Amino acid sequence: YTWSIEPRTGARELVTVRFTPRGAAAEVSVVHERILDAVTRERHRAGWNGCFDRLQAYAGGGANSIA
């Protein structure tokens, strides 16, 4: 899906979410592209980390890795 926090000119950011079965569980892969600058990229990274931390706590464990 595309993503935009505030009106911008140029290409919209692109978020791709992939679910891969891993036995009785699933691996979630999120790729967030077309981020215009380092400050915005860091804000998104922090936001995604927070989302996955909460998801991990809700689901009861598992690995969490966001580069």
N, C-alpha and C. Protein backbone atom coordinates (compact mmCIF):
# COMPACT_ATOMS: atom_id res chain seq x y z
N TYR A 1 0.84 -1.17 0.00
CA TYR A 1 0.00 0.00 0.00
C TYR A 1 0.88 1.23 0.00
N THR A 2 0.32 2.36 -0.34
CA THR A 2 1.08 3.60 -0.26
C THR A 2 0.79 4.27 1.07
N TRP A 3 1.70 5.15 1.46
CA TRP A 3 1.65 5.73 2.79
C TRP A 3 2.03 7.19 2.70
N SER A 4 1.29 8.02 3.39
CA SER A 4 1.64 9.44 3.44
C SER A 4 1.14 10.01 4.75
N ILE A 5 2.03 10.62 5.52
CA ILE A 5 1.64 11.23 6.78
C ILE A 5 1.16 12.66 6.54
N GLU A 6 1.81 13.33 5.65
CA GLU A 6 1.46 14.71 5.35
C GLU A 6 1.55 14.91 3.84
N PRO A 7 0.87 15.91 3.33
CA PRO A 7 0.94 16.15 1.88
C PRO A 7 2.38 16.42 1.45
N ARG A 8 2.80 15.77 0.38
CA ARG A 8 4.14 15.94 -0.16
C ARG A 8 4.06 15.95 -1.68
N THR A 9 5.09 16.46 -2.26
CA THR A 9 5.19 16.37 -3.71
C THR A 9 6.03 15.15 -4.05
N GLY A 10 5.88 14.64 -5.23
CA GLY A 10 6.68 13.49 -5.64
C GLY A 10 6.00 12.17 -5.32
N ALA A 11 6.79 11.11 -5.42
CA ALA A 11 6.27 9.75 -5.23
C ALA A 11 5.84 9.52 -3.78
N ARG A 12 4.77 8.77 -3.63
CA ARG A 12 4.32 8.39 -2.29
C ARG A 12 5.19 7.26 -1.79
N GLU A 13 5.30 7.16 -0.48
CA GLU A 13 6.04 6.05 0.11
C GLU A 13 5.30 4.75 -0.18
N LEU A 14 6.04 3.66 -0.21
CA LEU A 14 5.46 2.35 -0.51
C LEU A 14 5.78 1.39 0.63
N VAL A 15 4.75 0.75 1.17
CA VAL A 15 4.92 -0.25 2.22
C VAL A 15 4.44 -1.59 1.68
N THR A 16 5.33 -2.59 1.75
CA THR A 16 4.99 -3.94 1.31
C THR A 16 5.03 -4.85 2.54
N VAL A 17 3.95 -5.57 2.78
CA VAL A 17 3.86 -6.49 3.92
C VAL A 17 3.72 -7.90 3.36
N ARG A 18 4.57 -8.79 3.85
CA ARG A 18 4.55 -10.19 3.38
C ARG A 18 4.44 -11.10 4.60
N PHE A 19 3.54 -12.08 4.51
CA PHE A 19 3.37 -13.09 5.56
C PHE A 19 3.87 -14.42 5.01
N THR A 20 4.83 -15.04 5.70
CA THR A 20 5.39 -16.31 5.28
C THR A 20 5.11 -17.36 6.35
N PRO A 21 4.40 -18.44 5.99
CA PRO A 21 4.12 -19.49 6.98
C PRO A 21 5.41 -20.09 7.53
N ARG A 22 5.45 -20.29 8.83
CA ARG A 22 6.57 -20.93 9.52
C ARG A 22 5.98 -21.93 10.51
N GLY A 23 5.58 -23.09 10.00
CA GLY A 23 4.92 -24.08 10.86
C GLY A 23 3.57 -23.55 11.31
N ALA A 24 3.36 -23.52 12.62
CA ALA A 24 2.09 -23.03 13.17
C ALA A 24 2.09 -21.51 13.31
N ALA A 25 3.20 -20.87 12.95
CA ALA A 25 3.33 -19.42 13.08
C ALA A 25 3.49 -18.79 11.70
N ALA A 26 3.74 -17.51 11.69
CA ALA A 26 4.01 -16.80 10.44
C ALA A 26 5.08 -15.75 10.68
N GLU A 27 5.93 -15.59 9.69
CA GLU A 27 6.92 -14.52 9.71
C GLU A 27 6.32 -13.33 8.97
N VAL A 28 6.43 -12.15 9.56
CA VAL A 28 5.92 -10.93 8.94
C VAL A 28 7.11 -10.10 8.48
N SER A 29 7.11 -9.76 7.21
CA SER A 29 8.17 -8.94 6.64
C SER A 29 7.55 -7.64 6.15
N VAL A 30 8.12 -6.51 6.58
CA VAL A 30 7.63 -5.20 6.17
C VAL A 30 8.78 -4.45 5.52
N VAL A 31 8.56 -3.98 4.30
CA VAL A 31 9.55 -3.16 3.60
C VAL A 31 8.89 -1.82 3.32
N HIS A 32 9.50 -0.76 3.82
CA HIS A 32 8.97 0.60 3.67
C HIS A 32 9.95 1.35 2.79
N GLU A 33 9.51 1.73 1.59
CA GLU A 33 10.39 2.33 0.58
C GLU A 33 9.96 3.74 0.21
N ARG A 34 10.82 4.38 -0.56
CA ARG A 34 10.58 5.73 -1.10
C ARG A 34 10.50 6.79 -0.02
N ILE A 35 11.24 6.60 1.05
CA ILE A 35 11.27 7.59 2.13
C ILE A 35 12.24 8.69 1.71
N LEU A 36 11.78 9.92 1.78
CA LEU A 36 12.52 11.03 1.18
C LEU A 36 13.80 11.45 1.89
N ASP A 37 13.87 11.31 3.21
CA ASP A 37 15.05 11.81 3.91
C ASP A 37 15.33 10.98 5.16
N ALA A 38 16.52 11.17 5.71
CA ALA A 38 16.98 10.38 6.86
C ALA A 38 16.14 10.63 8.11
N VAL A 39 15.70 11.86 8.33
CA VAL A 39 14.90 12.17 9.51
C VAL A 39 13.57 11.42 9.46
N THR A 40 12.92 11.46 8.32
CA THR A 40 11.65 10.75 8.15
C THR A 40 11.86 9.25 8.26
N ARG A 41 12.95 8.75 7.67
CA ARG A 41 13.25 7.31 7.74
C ARG A 41 13.41 6.87 9.20
N GLU A 42 14.09 7.67 10.01
CA GLU A 42 14.28 7.32 11.42
C GLU A 42 12.95 7.35 12.17
N ARG A 43 12.10 8.32 11.87
CA ARG A 43 10.78 8.38 12.51
C ARG A 43 9.96 7.14 12.17
N HIS A 44 10.00 6.74 10.91
CA HIS A 44 9.27 5.54 10.50
C HIS A 44 9.85 4.29 11.17
N ARG A 45 11.18 4.20 11.22
CA ARG A 45 11.82 3.04 11.86
C ARG A 45 11.37 2.93 13.31
N ALA A 46 11.38 4.05 14.02
CA ALA A 46 10.94 4.05 15.42
C ALA A 46 9.47 3.66 15.52
N GLY A 47 8.65 4.15 14.61
CA GLY A 47 7.23 3.80 14.62
C GLY A 47 6.99 2.33 14.35
N TRP A 48 7.69 1.79 13.35
CA TRP A 48 7.54 0.35 13.06
C TRP A 48 8.03 -0.49 14.22
N ASN A 49 9.15 -0.10 14.83
CA ASN A 49 9.65 -0.85 15.99
C ASN A 49 8.60 -0.88 17.10
N GLY A 50 7.97 0.25 17.35
CA GLY A 50 6.92 0.31 18.37
C GLY A 50 5.75 -0.59 18.03
N CYS A 51 5.34 -0.58 16.77
CA CYS A 51 4.23 -1.45 16.33
C CYS A 51 4.57 -2.92 16.53
N PHE A 52 5.77 -3.30 16.12
CA PHE A 52 6.14 -4.71 16.24
C PHE A 52 6.40 -5.12 17.68
N ASP A 53 6.89 -4.20 18.51
CA ASP A 53 7.04 -4.51 19.94
C ASP A 53 5.68 -4.82 20.56
N ARG A 54 4.67 -4.01 20.23
CA ARG A 54 3.33 -4.24 20.77
C ARG A 54 2.72 -5.52 20.20
N LEU A 55 2.94 -5.79 18.92
CA LEU A 55 2.44 -7.02 18.32
C LEU A 55 3.09 -8.24 18.97
N GLN A 56 4.39 -8.16 19.20
CA GLN A 56 5.12 -9.25 19.84
C GLN A 56 4.59 -9.49 21.25
N ALA A 57 4.36 -8.43 22.00
CA ALA A 57 3.83 -8.57 23.36
C ALA A 57 2.43 -9.18 23.33
N TYR A 58 1.61 -8.76 22.39
CA TYR A 58 0.25 -9.28 22.26
C TYR A 58 0.27 -10.76 21.89
N ALA A 59 1.18 -11.12 20.97
CA ALA A 59 1.24 -12.50 20.48
C ALA A 59 1.98 -13.43 21.44
N GLY A 60 2.69 -12.87 22.39
CA GLY A 60 3.34 -13.70 23.39
C GLY A 60 4.74 -14.16 23.06
N GLY A 61 5.51 -13.37 22.37
CA GLY A 61 6.91 -13.73 22.15
C GLY A 61 7.29 -13.71 20.69
N GLY A 62 8.40 -14.38 20.40
CA GLY A 62 8.91 -14.42 19.04
C GLY A 62 10.00 -13.39 18.82
N ALA A 63 10.63 -13.47 17.68
CA ALA A 63 11.75 -12.58 17.36
C ALA A 63 11.23 -11.29 16.75
N ASN A 64 11.96 -10.22 16.97
CA ASN A 64 11.62 -8.91 16.41
C ASN A 64 12.90 -8.30 15.89
N SER A 65 12.98 -8.06 14.59
CA SER A 65 14.19 -7.49 14.02
C SER A 65 13.81 -6.51 12.93
N ILE A 66 14.16 -5.26 13.14
CA ILE A 66 13.93 -4.23 12.13
C ILE A 66 15.23 -3.50 11.90
N ALA A 67 15.68 -3.51 10.66
CA ALA A 67 16.94 -2.83 10.32
C ALA A 67 16.68 -1.40 9.91
